[in-house]
Amino acid sequence: MKMKRTVTFYKTEDGKSPVKDFLDSLPGKVVQKVTWVLSLLEDLDIVPSSYFKKLVGSEDIWECRIQFGSDAYRIFCFFEGNSVVVLTHGLVKKTQKTPKNEIERAEAYRREYLKRRGKI
């Protein structure tokens, strides 16, 4: 049986969605590519690491990787259980290394999300 993942947007306690704000700031063609990569996440059992990769040394933070022209976009996320992927926020990648403060921000969102759900 094929596993289906569900992609969902993280919301802060006051109802804001950092990832939605990020997507709203992107050009339409980039959003189309992001949507395509997110559909891979929902449909493929094994997503190629060129599109989806665990961040080494993080608290279970993953990144969706979107390449569009010469620009690299990253959307941070984590799993809730085995089948729900929660997208936290995104950035346009300017350097080789993913900024540590962005990873820490995703970790803080994850902890806060799980705490609100009584998981930690």
PDB file of N, CA and C in Angstrom:
ATOM      1  N   MET A   1       0.848  -1.200   0.000  1.00  0.00           N
ATOM      2  CA  MET A   1       0.000   0.000   0.000  1.00  0.00           C
ATOM      3  C   MET A   1       0.881   1.248   0.000  1.00  0.00           C
ATOM      4  N   LYS A   2       0.556   2.164  -0.852  1.00  0.00           N
ATOM      5  CA  LYS A   2       1.350   3.377  -0.993  1.00  0.00           C
ATOM      6  C   LYS A   2       1.026   4.356   0.138  1.00  0.00           C
ATOM      7  N   MET A   3       2.112   4.906   0.699  1.00  0.00           N
ATOM      8  CA  MET A   3       1.890   5.872   1.763  1.00  0.00           C
ATOM      9  C   MET A   3       1.640   7.251   1.161  1.00  0.00           C
ATOM     10  N   LYS A   4       0.649   7.917   1.670  1.00  0.00           N
ATOM     11  CA  LYS A   4       0.350   9.267   1.203  1.00  0.00           C
ATOM     12  C   LYS A   4       0.722  10.242   2.320  1.00  0.00           C
ATOM     13  N   ARG A   5       1.469  11.262   1.958  1.00  0.00           N
ATOM     14  CA  ARG A   5       1.776  12.296   2.936  1.00  0.00           C
ATOM     15  C   ARG A   5       0.831  13.465   2.732  1.00  0.00           C
ATOM     16  N   THR A   6       0.624  14.197   3.791  1.00  0.00           N
ATOM     17  CA  THR A   6      -0.168  15.413   3.721  1.00  0.00           C
ATOM     18  C   THR A   6       0.750  16.579   4.049  1.00  0.00           C
ATOM     19  N   VAL A   7       0.727  17.591   3.204  1.00  0.00           N
ATOM     20  CA  VAL A   7       1.515  18.789   3.463  1.00  0.00           C
ATOM     21  C   VAL A   7       0.589  19.842   4.052  1.00  0.00           C
ATOM     22  N   THR A   8       1.010  20.434   5.157  1.00  0.00           N
ATOM     23  CA  THR A   8       0.189  21.439   5.816  1.00  0.00           C
ATOM     24  C   THR A   8       1.059  22.632   6.204  1.00  0.00           C
ATOM     25  N   PHE A   9       0.440  23.777   6.422  1.00  0.00           N
ATOM     26  CA  PHE A   9       1.180  24.989   6.774  1.00  0.00           C
ATOM     27  C   PHE A   9       1.167  25.200   8.281  1.00  0.00           C
ATOM     28  N   TYR A  10       2.309  25.462   8.834  1.00  0.00           N
ATOM     29  CA  TYR A  10       2.417  25.826  10.237  1.00  0.00           C
ATOM     30  C   TYR A  10       1.764  27.199  10.455  1.00  0.00           C
ATOM     31  N   LYS A  11       1.059  27.337  11.566  1.00  0.00           N
ATOM     32  CA  LYS A  11       0.517  28.641  11.957  1.00  0.00           C
ATOM     33  C   LYS A  11       0.997  28.966  13.364  1.00  0.00           C
ATOM     34  N   THR A  12       1.342  30.221  13.581  1.00  0.00           N
ATOM     35  CA  THR A  12       1.740  30.657  14.918  1.00  0.00           C
ATOM     36  C   THR A  12       0.495  30.697  15.799  1.00  0.00           C
ATOM     37  N   GLU A  13       0.699  30.895  17.104  1.00  0.00           N
ATOM     38  CA  GLU A  13      -0.447  30.914  18.018  1.00  0.00           C
ATOM     39  C   GLU A  13      -1.445  32.001  17.654  1.00  0.00           C
ATOM     40  N   ASP A  14      -0.946  33.112  17.083  1.00  0.00           N
ATOM     41  CA  ASP A  14      -1.869  34.188  16.706  1.00  0.00           C
ATOM     42  C   ASP A  14      -2.385  34.039  15.266  1.00  0.00           C
ATOM     43  N   GLY A  15      -2.179  32.833  14.683  1.00  0.00           N
ATOM     44  CA  GLY A  15      -2.807  32.527  13.402  1.00  0.00           C
ATOM     45  C   GLY A  15      -2.033  32.946  12.161  1.00  0.00           C
ATOM     46  N   LYS A  16      -0.817  33.447  12.326  1.00  0.00           N
ATOM     47  CA  LYS A  16      -0.018  33.826  11.150  1.00  0.00           C
ATOM     48  C   LYS A  16       0.634  32.575  10.549  1.00  0.00           C
ATOM     49  N   SER A  17       0.857  32.623   9.245  1.00  0.00           N
ATOM     50  CA  SER A  17       1.506  31.504   8.573  1.00  0.00           C
ATOM     51  C   SER A  17       2.740  32.017   7.830  1.00  0.00           C
ATOM     52  N   PRO A  18       3.923  31.870   8.463  1.00  0.00           N
ATOM     53  CA  PRO A  18       5.153  32.381   7.834  1.00  0.00           C
ATOM     54  C   PRO A  18       5.389  31.804   6.443  1.00  0.00           C
ATOM     55  N   VAL A  19       5.058  30.539   6.226  1.00  0.00           N
ATOM     56  CA  VAL A  19       5.314  29.936   4.919  1.00  0.00           C
ATOM     57  C   VAL A  19       4.354  30.496   3.866  1.00  0.00           C
ATOM     58  N   LYS A  20       3.131  30.781   4.267  1.00  0.00           N
ATOM     59  CA  LYS A  20       2.179  31.390   3.326  1.00  0.00           C
ATOM     60  C   LYS A  20       2.662  32.787   2.924  1.00  0.00           C
ATOM     61  N   ASP A  21       3.133  33.550   3.910  1.00  0.00           N
ATOM     62  CA  ASP A  21       3.669  34.885   3.607  1.00  0.00           C
ATOM     63  C   ASP A  21       4.837  34.787   2.634  1.00  0.00           C
ATOM     64  N   PHE A  22       5.690  33.790   2.849  1.00  0.00           N
ATOM     65  CA  PHE A  22       6.835  33.587   1.962  1.00  0.00           C
ATOM     66  C   PHE A  22       6.359  33.265   0.539  1.00  0.00           C
ATOM     67  N   LEU A  23       5.426  32.330   0.423  1.00  0.00           N
ATOM     68  CA  LEU A  23       4.928  31.941  -0.895  1.00  0.00           C
ATOM     69  C   LEU A  23       4.243  33.114  -1.593  1.00  0.00           C
ATOM     70  N   ASP A  24       3.523  33.917  -0.811  1.00  0.00           N
ATOM     71  CA  ASP A  24       2.843  35.087  -1.388  1.00  0.00           C
ATOM     72  C   ASP A  24       3.833  36.106  -1.946  1.00  0.00           C
ATOM     73  N   SER A  25       5.078  36.071  -1.450  1.00  0.00           N
ATOM     74  CA  SER A  25       6.078  37.049  -1.892  1.00  0.00           C
ATOM     75  C   SER A  25       6.805  36.609  -3.164  1.00  0.00           C
ATOM     76  N   LEU A  26       6.568  35.369  -3.594  1.00  0.00           N
ATOM     77  CA  LEU A  26       7.315  34.824  -4.734  1.00  0.00           C
ATOM     78  C   LEU A  26       6.601  35.088  -6.057  1.00  0.00           C
ATOM     79  N   PRO A  27       7.389  35.155  -7.157  1.00  0.00           N
ATOM     80  CA  PRO A  27       6.769  35.276  -8.488  1.00  0.00           C
ATOM     81  C   PRO A  27       5.952  34.021  -8.815  1.00  0.00           C
ATOM     82  N   GLY A  28       4.919  34.196  -9.622  1.00  0.00           N
ATOM     83  CA  GLY A  28       4.013  33.104  -9.965  1.00  0.00           C
ATOM     84  C   GLY A  28       4.684  31.845 -10.470  1.00  0.00           C
ATOM     85  N   LYS A  29       5.677  31.993 -11.353  1.00  0.00           N
ATOM     86  CA  LYS A  29       6.340  30.807 -11.928  1.00  0.00           C
ATOM     87  C   LYS A  29       7.104  30.031 -10.862  1.00  0.00           C
ATOM     88  N   VAL A  30       7.661  30.744  -9.887  1.00  0.00           N
ATOM     89  CA  VAL A  30       8.371  30.070  -8.791  1.00  0.00           C
ATOM     90  C   VAL A  30       7.367  29.303  -7.933  1.00  0.00           C
ATOM     91  N   VAL A  31       6.215  29.921  -7.681  1.00  0.00           N
ATOM     92  CA  VAL A  31       5.177  29.253  -6.893  1.00  0.00           C
ATOM     93  C   VAL A  31       4.718  27.970  -7.588  1.00  0.00           C
ATOM     94  N   GLN A  32       4.621  28.008  -8.916  1.00  0.00           N
ATOM     95  CA  GLN A  32       4.251  26.788  -9.666  1.00  0.00           C
ATOM     96  C   GLN A  32       5.271  25.684  -9.399  1.00  0.00           C
ATOM     97  N   LYS A  33       6.541  26.035  -9.418  1.00  0.00           N
ATOM     98  CA  LYS A  33       7.595  25.036  -9.188  1.00  0.00           C
ATOM     99  C   LYS A  33       7.523  24.518  -7.751  1.00  0.00           C
ATOM    100  N   VAL A  34       7.311  25.435  -6.796  1.00  0.00           N
ATOM    101  CA  VAL A  34       7.175  25.038  -5.389  1.00  0.00           C
ATOM    102  C   VAL A  34       6.016  24.053  -5.250  1.00  0.00           C
ATOM    103  N   THR A  35       4.892  24.372  -5.873  1.00  0.00           N
ATOM    104  CA  THR A  35       3.704  23.515  -5.804  1.00  0.00           C
ATOM    105  C   THR A  35       4.014  22.124  -6.362  1.00  0.00           C
ATOM    106  N   TRP A  36       4.778  22.090  -7.449  1.00  0.00           N
ATOM    107  CA  TRP A  36       5.164  20.820  -8.053  1.00  0.00           C
ATOM    108  C   TRP A  36       6.032  20.001  -7.097  1.00  0.00           C
ATOM    109  N   VAL A  37       7.013  20.659  -6.461  1.00  0.00           N
ATOM    110  CA  VAL A  37       7.887  19.952  -5.509  1.00  0.00           C
ATOM    111  C   VAL A  37       7.068  19.447  -4.314  1.00  0.00           C
ATOM    112  N   LEU A  38       6.131  20.254  -3.836  1.00  0.00           N
ATOM    113  CA  LEU A  38       5.291  19.818  -2.711  1.00  0.00           C
ATOM    114  C   LEU A  38       4.402  18.643  -3.114  1.00  0.00           C
ATOM    115  N   SER A  39       3.986  18.593  -4.384  1.00  0.00           N
ATOM    116  CA  SER A  39       3.182  17.452  -4.822  1.00  0.00           C
ATOM    117  C   SER A  39       4.030  16.176  -4.854  1.00  0.00           C
ATOM    118  N   LEU A  40       5.334  16.305  -5.158  1.00  0.00           N
ATOM    119  CA  LEU A  40       6.224  15.134  -5.071  1.00  0.00           C
ATOM    120  C   LEU A  40       6.242  14.601  -3.647  1.00  0.00           C
ATOM    121  N   LEU A  41       6.309  15.531  -2.712  1.00  0.00           N
ATOM    122  CA  LEU A  41       6.352  15.193  -1.293  1.00  0.00           C
ATOM    123  C   LEU A  41       5.109  14.402  -0.891  1.00  0.00           C
ATOM    124  N   GLU A  42       3.967  14.787  -1.451  1.00  0.00           N
ATOM    125  CA  GLU A  42       2.721  14.093  -1.117  1.00  0.00           C
ATOM    126  C   GLU A  42       2.605  12.758  -1.840  1.00  0.00           C
ATOM    127  N   ASP A  43       3.159  12.658  -3.042  1.00  0.00           N
ATOM    128  CA  ASP A  43       2.880  11.497  -3.888  1.00  0.00           C
ATOM    129  C   ASP A  43       3.958  10.420  -3.928  1.00  0.00           C
ATOM    130  N   LEU A  44       5.214  10.794  -3.709  1.00  0.00           N
ATOM    131  CA  LEU A  44       6.286   9.809  -3.836  1.00  0.00           C
ATOM    132  C   LEU A  44       6.631   9.197  -2.481  1.00  0.00           C
ATOM    133  N   ASP A  45       6.846   7.875  -2.464  1.00  0.00           N
ATOM    134  CA  ASP A  45       7.296   7.229  -1.236  1.00  0.00           C
ATOM    135  C   ASP A  45       8.694   7.724  -0.871  1.00  0.00           C
ATOM    136  N   ILE A  46       9.557   7.769  -1.866  1.00  0.00           N
ATOM    137  CA  ILE A  46      10.926   8.236  -1.641  1.00  0.00           C
ATOM    138  C   ILE A  46      11.145   9.462  -2.516  1.00  0.00           C
ATOM    139  N   VAL A  47      11.321  10.595  -1.865  1.00  0.00           N
ATOM    140  CA  VAL A  47      11.500  11.854  -2.595  1.00  0.00           C
ATOM    141  C   VAL A  47      13.005  12.056  -2.812  1.00  0.00           C
ATOM    142  N   PRO A  48      13.423  12.330  -4.049  1.00  0.00           N
ATOM    143  CA  PRO A  48      14.853  12.543  -4.305  1.00  0.00           C
ATOM    144  C   PRO A  48      15.424  13.645  -3.418  1.00  0.00           C
ATOM    145  N   SER A  49      16.656  13.449  -2.937  1.00  0.00           N
ATOM    146  CA  SER A  49      17.254  14.418  -2.011  1.00  0.00           C
ATOM    147  C   SER A  49      17.518  15.761  -2.680  1.00  0.00           C
ATOM    148  N   SER A  50      17.449  15.798  -4.016  1.00  0.00           N
ATOM    149  CA  SER A  50      17.587  17.097  -4.674  1.00  0.00           C
ATOM    150  C   SER A  50      16.379  17.995  -4.360  1.00  0.00           C
ATOM    151  N   TYR A  51      15.277  17.370  -3.894  1.00  0.00           N
ATOM    152  CA  TYR A  51      14.072  18.138  -3.580  1.00  0.00           C
ATOM    153  C   TYR A  51      13.721  18.157  -2.090  1.00  0.00           C
ATOM    154  N   PHE A  52      14.214  17.169  -1.362  1.00  0.00           N
ATOM    155  CA  PHE A  52      13.779  17.031   0.031  1.00  0.00           C
ATOM    156  C   PHE A  52      14.893  16.375   0.819  1.00  0.00           C
ATOM    157  N   LYS A  53      15.351  17.062   1.858  1.00  0.00           N
ATOM    158  CA  LYS A  53      16.532  16.565   2.548  1.00  0.00           C
ATOM    159  C   LYS A  53      16.479  16.920   4.020  1.00  0.00           C
ATOM    160  N   LYS A  54      16.903  15.976   4.866  1.00  0.00           N
ATOM    161  CA  LYS A  54      16.981  16.253   6.301  1.00  0.00           C
ATOM    162  C   LYS A  54      18.202  17.117   6.548  1.00  0.00           C
ATOM    163  N   LEU A  55      18.044  18.122   7.390  1.00  0.00           N
ATOM    164  CA  LEU A  55      19.173  18.991   7.719  1.00  0.00           C
ATOM    165  C   LEU A  55      19.995  18.345   8.836  1.00  0.00           C
ATOM    166  N   VAL A  56      21.223  18.051   8.517  1.00  0.00           N
ATOM    167  CA  VAL A  56      22.125  17.385   9.458  1.00  0.00           C
ATOM    168  C   VAL A  56      22.346  18.285  10.668  1.00  0.00           C
ATOM    169  N   GLY A  57      22.318  17.678  11.853  1.00  0.00           N
ATOM    170  CA  GLY A  57      22.585  18.437  13.067  1.00  0.00           C
ATOM    171  C   GLY A  57      21.415  19.280  13.543  1.00  0.00           C
ATOM    172  N   SER A  58      20.228  19.059  12.957  1.00  0.00           N
ATOM    173  CA  SER A  58      19.042  19.817  13.379  1.00  0.00           C
ATOM    174  C   SER A  58      18.114  18.899  14.162  1.00  0.00           C
ATOM    175  N   GLU A  59      17.136  19.496  14.835  1.00  0.00           N
ATOM    176  CA  GLU A  59      16.114  18.701  15.542  1.00  0.00           C
ATOM    177  C   GLU A  59      15.030  18.280  14.555  1.00  0.00           C
ATOM    178  N   ASP A  60      15.325  17.283  13.762  1.00  0.00           N
ATOM    179  CA  ASP A  60      14.327  16.738  12.829  1.00  0.00           C
ATOM    180  C   ASP A  60      13.748  17.770  11.872  1.00  0.00           C
ATOM    181  N   ILE A  61      14.585  18.695  11.430  1.00  0.00           N
ATOM    182  CA  ILE A  61      14.139  19.681  10.455  1.00  0.00           C
ATOM    183  C   ILE A  61      14.555  19.204   9.059  1.00  0.00           C
ATOM    184  N   TRP A  62      13.649  19.328   8.130  1.00  0.00           N
ATOM    185  CA  TRP A  62      13.879  18.974   6.731  1.00  0.00           C
ATOM    186  C   TRP A  62      13.761  20.232   5.897  1.00  0.00           C
ATOM    187  N   GLU A  63      14.298  20.186   4.686  1.00  0.00           N
ATOM    188  CA  GLU A  63      14.079  21.316   3.792  1.00  0.00           C
ATOM    189  C   GLU A  63      13.592  20.820   2.447  1.00  0.00           C
ATOM    190  N   CYS A  64      12.585  21.529   1.930  1.00  0.00           N
ATOM    191  CA  CYS A  64      12.155  21.338   0.548  1.00  0.00           C
ATOM    192  C   CYS A  64      13.060  22.235  -0.268  1.00  0.00           C
ATOM    193  N   ARG A  65      13.631  21.661  -1.306  1.00  0.00           N
ATOM    194  CA  ARG A  65      14.612  22.395  -2.098  1.00  0.00           C
ATOM    195  C   ARG A  65      14.040  22.675  -3.477  1.00  0.00           C
ATOM    196  N   ILE A  66      13.975  23.961  -3.806  1.00  0.00           N
ATOM    197  CA  ILE A  66      13.417  24.350  -5.096  1.00  0.00           C
ATOM    198  C   ILE A  66      14.459  25.173  -5.836  1.00  0.00           C
ATOM    199  N   GLN A  67      14.777  24.738  -7.023  1.00  0.00           N
ATOM    200  CA  GLN A  67      15.718  25.469  -7.870  1.00  0.00           C
ATOM    201  C   GLN A  67      14.912  26.077  -9.003  1.00  0.00           C
ATOM    202  N   PHE A  68      15.083  27.369  -9.209  1.00  0.00           N
ATOM    203  CA  PHE A  68      14.369  28.008 -10.317  1.00  0.00           C
ATOM    204  C   PHE A  68      15.331  28.979 -10.978  1.00  0.00           C
ATOM    205  N   GLY A  69      15.705  28.675 -12.210  1.00  0.00           N
ATOM    206  CA  GLY A  69      16.740  29.488 -12.860  1.00  0.00           C
ATOM    207  C   GLY A  69      17.999  29.410 -12.013  1.00  0.00           C
ATOM    208  N   SER A  70      18.576  30.550 -11.705  1.00  0.00           N
ATOM    209  CA  SER A  70      19.803  30.533 -10.901  1.00  0.00           C
ATOM    210  C   SER A  70      19.496  30.714  -9.416  1.00  0.00           C
ATOM    211  N   ASP A  71      18.213  30.757  -9.056  1.00  0.00           N
ATOM    212  CA  ASP A  71      17.842  30.978  -7.658  1.00  0.00           C
ATOM    213  C   ASP A  71      17.508  29.668  -6.954  1.00  0.00           C
ATOM    214  N   ALA A  72      17.895  29.609  -5.693  1.00  0.00           N
ATOM    215  CA  ALA A  72      17.571  28.447  -4.860  1.00  0.00           C
ATOM    216  C   ALA A  72      16.621  28.901  -3.762  1.00  0.00           C
ATOM    217  N   TYR A  73      15.540  28.160  -3.599  1.00  0.00           N
ATOM    218  CA  TYR A  73      14.559  28.467  -2.566  1.00  0.00           C
ATOM    219  C   TYR A  73      14.525  27.298  -1.596  1.00  0.00           C
ATOM    220  N   ARG A  74      14.331  27.602  -0.328  1.00  0.00           N
ATOM    221  CA  ARG A  74      14.233  26.561   0.685  1.00  0.00           C
ATOM    222  C   ARG A  74      12.984  26.788   1.520  1.00  0.00           C
ATOM    223  N   ILE A  75      12.274  25.711   1.760  1.00  0.00           N
ATOM    224  CA  ILE A  75      11.149  25.762   2.685  1.00  0.00           C
ATOM    225  C   ILE A  75      11.430  24.744   3.778  1.00  0.00           C
ATOM    226  N   PHE A  76      11.436  25.229   5.004  1.00  0.00           N
ATOM    227  CA  PHE A  76      11.740  24.359   6.140  1.00  0.00           C
ATOM    228  C   PHE A  76      10.478  23.656   6.597  1.00  0.00           C
ATOM    229  N   CYS A  77      10.657  22.430   7.095  1.00  0.00           N
ATOM    230  CA  CYS A  77       9.498  21.668   7.530  1.00  0.00           C
ATOM    231  C   CYS A  77       9.912  20.579   8.509  1.00  0.00           C
ATOM    232  N   PHE A  78       8.914  19.943   9.095  1.00  0.00           N
ATOM    233  CA  PHE A  78       9.153  18.807   9.989  1.00  0.00           C
ATOM    234  C   PHE A  78       7.966  17.853   9.854  1.00  0.00           C
ATOM    235  N   PHE A  79       8.162  16.654  10.348  1.00  0.00           N
ATOM    236  CA  PHE A  79       7.092  15.655  10.302  1.00  0.00           C
ATOM    237  C   PHE A  79       6.309  15.673  11.605  1.00  0.00           C
ATOM    238  N   GLU A  80       4.989  15.512  11.480  1.00  0.00           N
ATOM    239  CA  GLU A  80       4.164  15.204  12.640  1.00  0.00           C
ATOM    240  C   GLU A  80       3.674  13.786  12.387  1.00  0.00           C
ATOM    241  N   GLY A  81       4.171  12.856  13.179  1.00  0.00           N
ATOM    242  CA  GLY A  81       3.899  11.452  12.897  1.00  0.00           C
ATOM    243  C   GLY A  81       4.658  11.050  11.633  1.00  0.00           C
ATOM    244  N   ASN A  82       4.125  10.076  10.905  1.00  0.00           N
ATOM    245  CA  ASN A  82       4.828   9.605   9.706  1.00  0.00           C
ATOM    246  C   ASN A  82       4.339  10.231   8.421  1.00  0.00           C
ATOM    247  N   SER A  83       3.129  10.786   8.462  1.00  0.00           N
ATOM    248  CA  SER A  83       2.543  11.150   7.176  1.00  0.00           C
ATOM    249  C   SER A  83       2.215  12.629   7.009  1.00  0.00           C
ATOM    250  N   VAL A  84       2.383  13.434   8.059  1.00  0.00           N
ATOM    251  CA  VAL A  84       2.069  14.858   7.930  1.00  0.00           C
ATOM    252  C   VAL A  84       3.367  15.660   7.917  1.00  0.00           C
ATOM    253  N   VAL A  85       3.527  16.470   6.865  1.00  0.00           N
ATOM    254  CA  VAL A  85       4.686  17.347   6.762  1.00  0.00           C
ATOM    255  C   VAL A  85       4.196  18.768   7.018  1.00  0.00           C
ATOM    256  N   VAL A  86       4.781  19.399   8.039  1.00  0.00           N
ATOM    257  CA  VAL A  86       4.368  20.747   8.416  1.00  0.00           C
ATOM    258  C   VAL A  86       5.418  21.735   7.903  1.00  0.00           C
ATOM    259  N   LEU A  87       5.009  22.614   6.993  1.00  0.00           N
ATOM    260  CA  LEU A  87       5.922  23.622   6.437  1.00  0.00           C
ATOM    261  C   LEU A  87       5.962  24.824   7.373  1.00  0.00           C
ATOM    262  N   THR A  88       7.174  25.262   7.748  1.00  0.00           N
ATOM    263  CA  THR A  88       7.263  26.372   8.700  1.00  0.00           C
ATOM    264  C   THR A  88       7.472  27.712   8.001  1.00  0.00           C
ATOM    265  N   HIS A  89       8.571  27.848   7.267  1.00  0.00           N
ATOM    266  CA  HIS A  89       8.864  29.122   6.606  1.00  0.00           C
ATOM    267  C   HIS A  89       9.857  28.877   5.486  1.00  0.00           C
ATOM    268  N   GLY A  90      10.092  29.896   4.690  1.00  0.00           N
ATOM    269  CA  GLY A  90      10.986  29.723   3.555  1.00  0.00           C
ATOM    270  C   GLY A  90      11.960  30.870   3.416  1.00  0.00           C
ATOM    271  N   LEU A  91      12.916  30.679   2.509  1.00  0.00           N
ATOM    272  CA  LEU A  91      13.877  31.733   2.218  1.00  0.00           C
ATOM    273  C   LEU A  91      14.422  31.547   0.814  1.00  0.00           C
ATOM    274  N   VAL A  92      14.964  32.627   0.302  1.00  0.00           N
ATOM    275  CA  VAL A  92      15.712  32.552  -0.946  1.00  0.00           C
ATOM    276  C   VAL A  92      17.153  32.357  -0.515  1.00  0.00           C
ATOM    277  N   LYS A  93      17.757  31.284  -0.989  1.00  0.00           N
ATOM    278  CA  LYS A  93      19.087  30.925  -0.514  1.00  0.00           C
ATOM    279  C   LYS A  93      20.146  31.740  -1.253  1.00  0.00           C
ATOM    280  N   LYS A  94      20.988  32.428  -0.475  1.00  0.00           N
ATOM    281  CA  LYS A  94      22.002  33.304  -1.065  1.00  0.00           C
ATOM    282  C   LYS A  94      23.411  32.726  -0.940  1.00  0.00           C
ATOM    283  N   THR A  95      23.600  31.789  -0.015  1.00  0.00           N
ATOM    284  CA  THR A  95      24.935  31.245   0.245  1.00  0.00           C
ATOM    285  C   THR A  95      24.886  29.723   0.162  1.00  0.00           C
ATOM    286  N   GLN A  96      26.052  29.108   0.153  1.00  0.00           N
ATOM    287  CA  GLN A  96      26.137  27.644   0.123  1.00  0.00           C
ATOM    288  C   GLN A  96      25.480  27.037   1.355  1.00  0.00           C
ATOM    289  N   LYS A  97      25.787  27.625   2.511  1.00  0.00           N
ATOM    290  CA  LYS A  97      25.307  27.054   3.757  1.00  0.00           C
ATOM    291  C   LYS A  97      23.957  27.644   4.142  1.00  0.00           C
ATOM    292  N   THR A  98      23.080  26.797   4.628  1.00  0.00           N
ATOM    293  CA  THR A  98      21.795  27.278   5.123  1.00  0.00           C
ATOM    294  C   THR A  98      22.046  28.038   6.428  1.00  0.00           C
ATOM    295  N   PRO A  99      21.559  29.270   6.535  1.00  0.00           N
ATOM    296  CA  PRO A  99      21.817  30.063   7.743  1.00  0.00           C
ATOM    297  C   PRO A  99      21.327  29.365   9.011  1.00  0.00           C
ATOM    298  N   LYS A 100      22.202  29.299  10.007  1.00  0.00           N
ATOM    299  CA  LYS A 100      21.890  28.597  11.256  1.00  0.00           C
ATOM    300  C   LYS A 100      20.658  29.200  11.933  1.00  0.00           C
ATOM    301  N   ASN A 101      20.525  30.534  11.877  1.00  0.00           N
ATOM    302  CA  ASN A 101      19.381  31.151  12.553  1.00  0.00           C
ATOM    303  C   ASN A 101      18.052  30.727  11.919  1.00  0.00           C
ATOM    304  N   GLU A 102      18.064  30.409  10.624  1.00  0.00           N
ATOM    305  CA  GLU A 102      16.832  29.948   9.968  1.00  0.00           C
ATOM    306  C   GLU A 102      16.477  28.526  10.418  1.00  0.00           C
ATOM    307  N   ILE A 103      17.496  27.700  10.600  1.00  0.00           N
ATOM    308  CA  ILE A 103      17.268  26.338  11.109  1.00  0.00           C
ATOM    309  C   ILE A 103      16.732  26.424  12.533  1.00  0.00           C
ATOM    310  N   GLU A 104      17.336  27.303  13.336  1.00  0.00           N
ATOM    311  CA  GLU A 104      16.883  27.462  14.725  1.00  0.00           C
ATOM    312  C   GLU A 104      15.443  27.966  14.783  1.00  0.00           C
ATOM    313  N   ARG A 105      15.096  28.840  13.844  1.00  0.00           N
ATOM    314  CA  ARG A 105      13.727  29.341  13.778  1.00  0.00           C
ATOM    315  C   ARG A 105      12.757  28.187  13.486  1.00  0.00           C
ATOM    316  N   ALA A 106      13.123  27.325  12.546  1.00  0.00           N
ATOM    317  CA  ALA A 106      12.280  26.161  12.227  1.00  0.00           C
ATOM    318  C   ALA A 106      12.161  25.233  13.431  1.00  0.00           C
ATOM    319  N   GLU A 107      13.267  25.047  14.159  1.00  0.00           N
ATOM    320  CA  GLU A 107      13.231  24.188  15.354  1.00  0.00           C
ATOM    321  C   GLU A 107      12.307  24.774  16.421  1.00  0.00           C
ATOM    322  N   ALA A 108      12.370  26.089  16.587  1.00  0.00           N
ATOM    323  CA  ALA A 108      11.505  26.753  17.573  1.00  0.00           C
ATOM    324  C   ALA A 108      10.039  26.594  17.174  1.00  0.00           C
ATOM    325  N   TYR A 109       9.736  26.757  15.882  1.00  0.00           N
ATOM    326  CA  TYR A 109       8.361  26.562  15.400  1.00  0.00           C
ATOM    327  C   TYR A 109       7.912  25.125  15.683  1.00  0.00           C
ATOM    328  N   ARG A 110       8.814  24.168  15.419  1.00  0.00           N
ATOM    329  CA  ARG A 110       8.471  22.762  15.623  1.00  0.00           C
ATOM    330  C   ARG A 110       8.151  22.489  17.094  1.00  0.00           C
ATOM    331  N   ARG A 111       9.022  22.953  17.987  1.00  0.00           N
ATOM    332  CA  ARG A 111       8.798  22.724  19.426  1.00  0.00           C
ATOM    333  C   ARG A 111       7.479  23.344  19.878  1.00  0.00           C
ATOM    334  N   GLU A 112       7.229  24.560  19.424  1.00  0.00           N
ATOM    335  CA  GLU A 112       6.022  25.275  19.818  1.00  0.00           C
ATOM    336  C   GLU A 112       4.778  24.547  19.274  1.00  0.00           C
ATOM    337  N   TYR A 113       4.861  24.075  18.042  1.00  0.00           N
ATOM    338  CA  TYR A 113       3.756  23.344  17.409  1.00  0.00           C
ATOM    339  C   TYR A 113       3.450  22.057  18.178  1.00  0.00           C
ATOM    340  N   LEU A 114       4.488  21.290  18.470  1.00  0.00           N
ATOM    341  CA  LEU A 114       4.291  20.016  19.165  1.00  0.00           C
ATOM    342  C   LEU A 114       3.796  20.242  20.592  1.00  0.00           C
ATOM    343  N   LYS A 115       4.280  21.299  21.225  1.00  0.00           N
ATOM    344  CA  LYS A 115       3.844  21.604  22.586  1.00  0.00           C
ATOM    345  C   LYS A 115       2.348  21.937  22.588  1.00  0.00           C
ATOM    346  N   ARG A 116       1.907  22.759  21.622  1.00  0.00           N
ATOM    347  CA  ARG A 116       0.489  23.108  21.530  1.00  0.00           C
ATOM    348  C   ARG A 116      -0.381  21.883  21.316  1.00  0.00           C
ATOM    349  N   ARG A 117       0.157  20.871  20.673  1.00  0.00           N
ATOM    350  CA  ARG A 117      -0.599  19.645  20.412  1.00  0.00           C
ATOM    351  C   ARG A 117      -0.409  18.599  21.500  1.00  0.00           C
ATOM    352  N   GLY A 118       0.319  18.973  22.542  1.00  0.00           N
ATOM    353  CA  GLY A 118       0.529  18.057  23.655  1.00  0.00           C
ATOM    354  C   GLY A 118       1.448  16.892  23.325  1.00  0.00           C
ATOM    355  N   LYS A 119       2.319  17.078  22.304  1.00  0.00           N
ATOM    356  CA  LYS A 119       3.202  15.975  21.890  1.00  0.00           C
ATOM    357  C   LYS A 119       4.539  16.014  22.625  1.00  0.00           C
ATOM    358  N   ILE A 120       4.874  17.183  23.226  1.00  0.00           N
ATOM    359  CA  ILE A 120       6.117  17.228  24.030  1.00  0.00           C
ATOM    360  C   ILE A 120       5.829  17.935  25.341  1.00  0.00           C
TER     361      ILE A 120
END
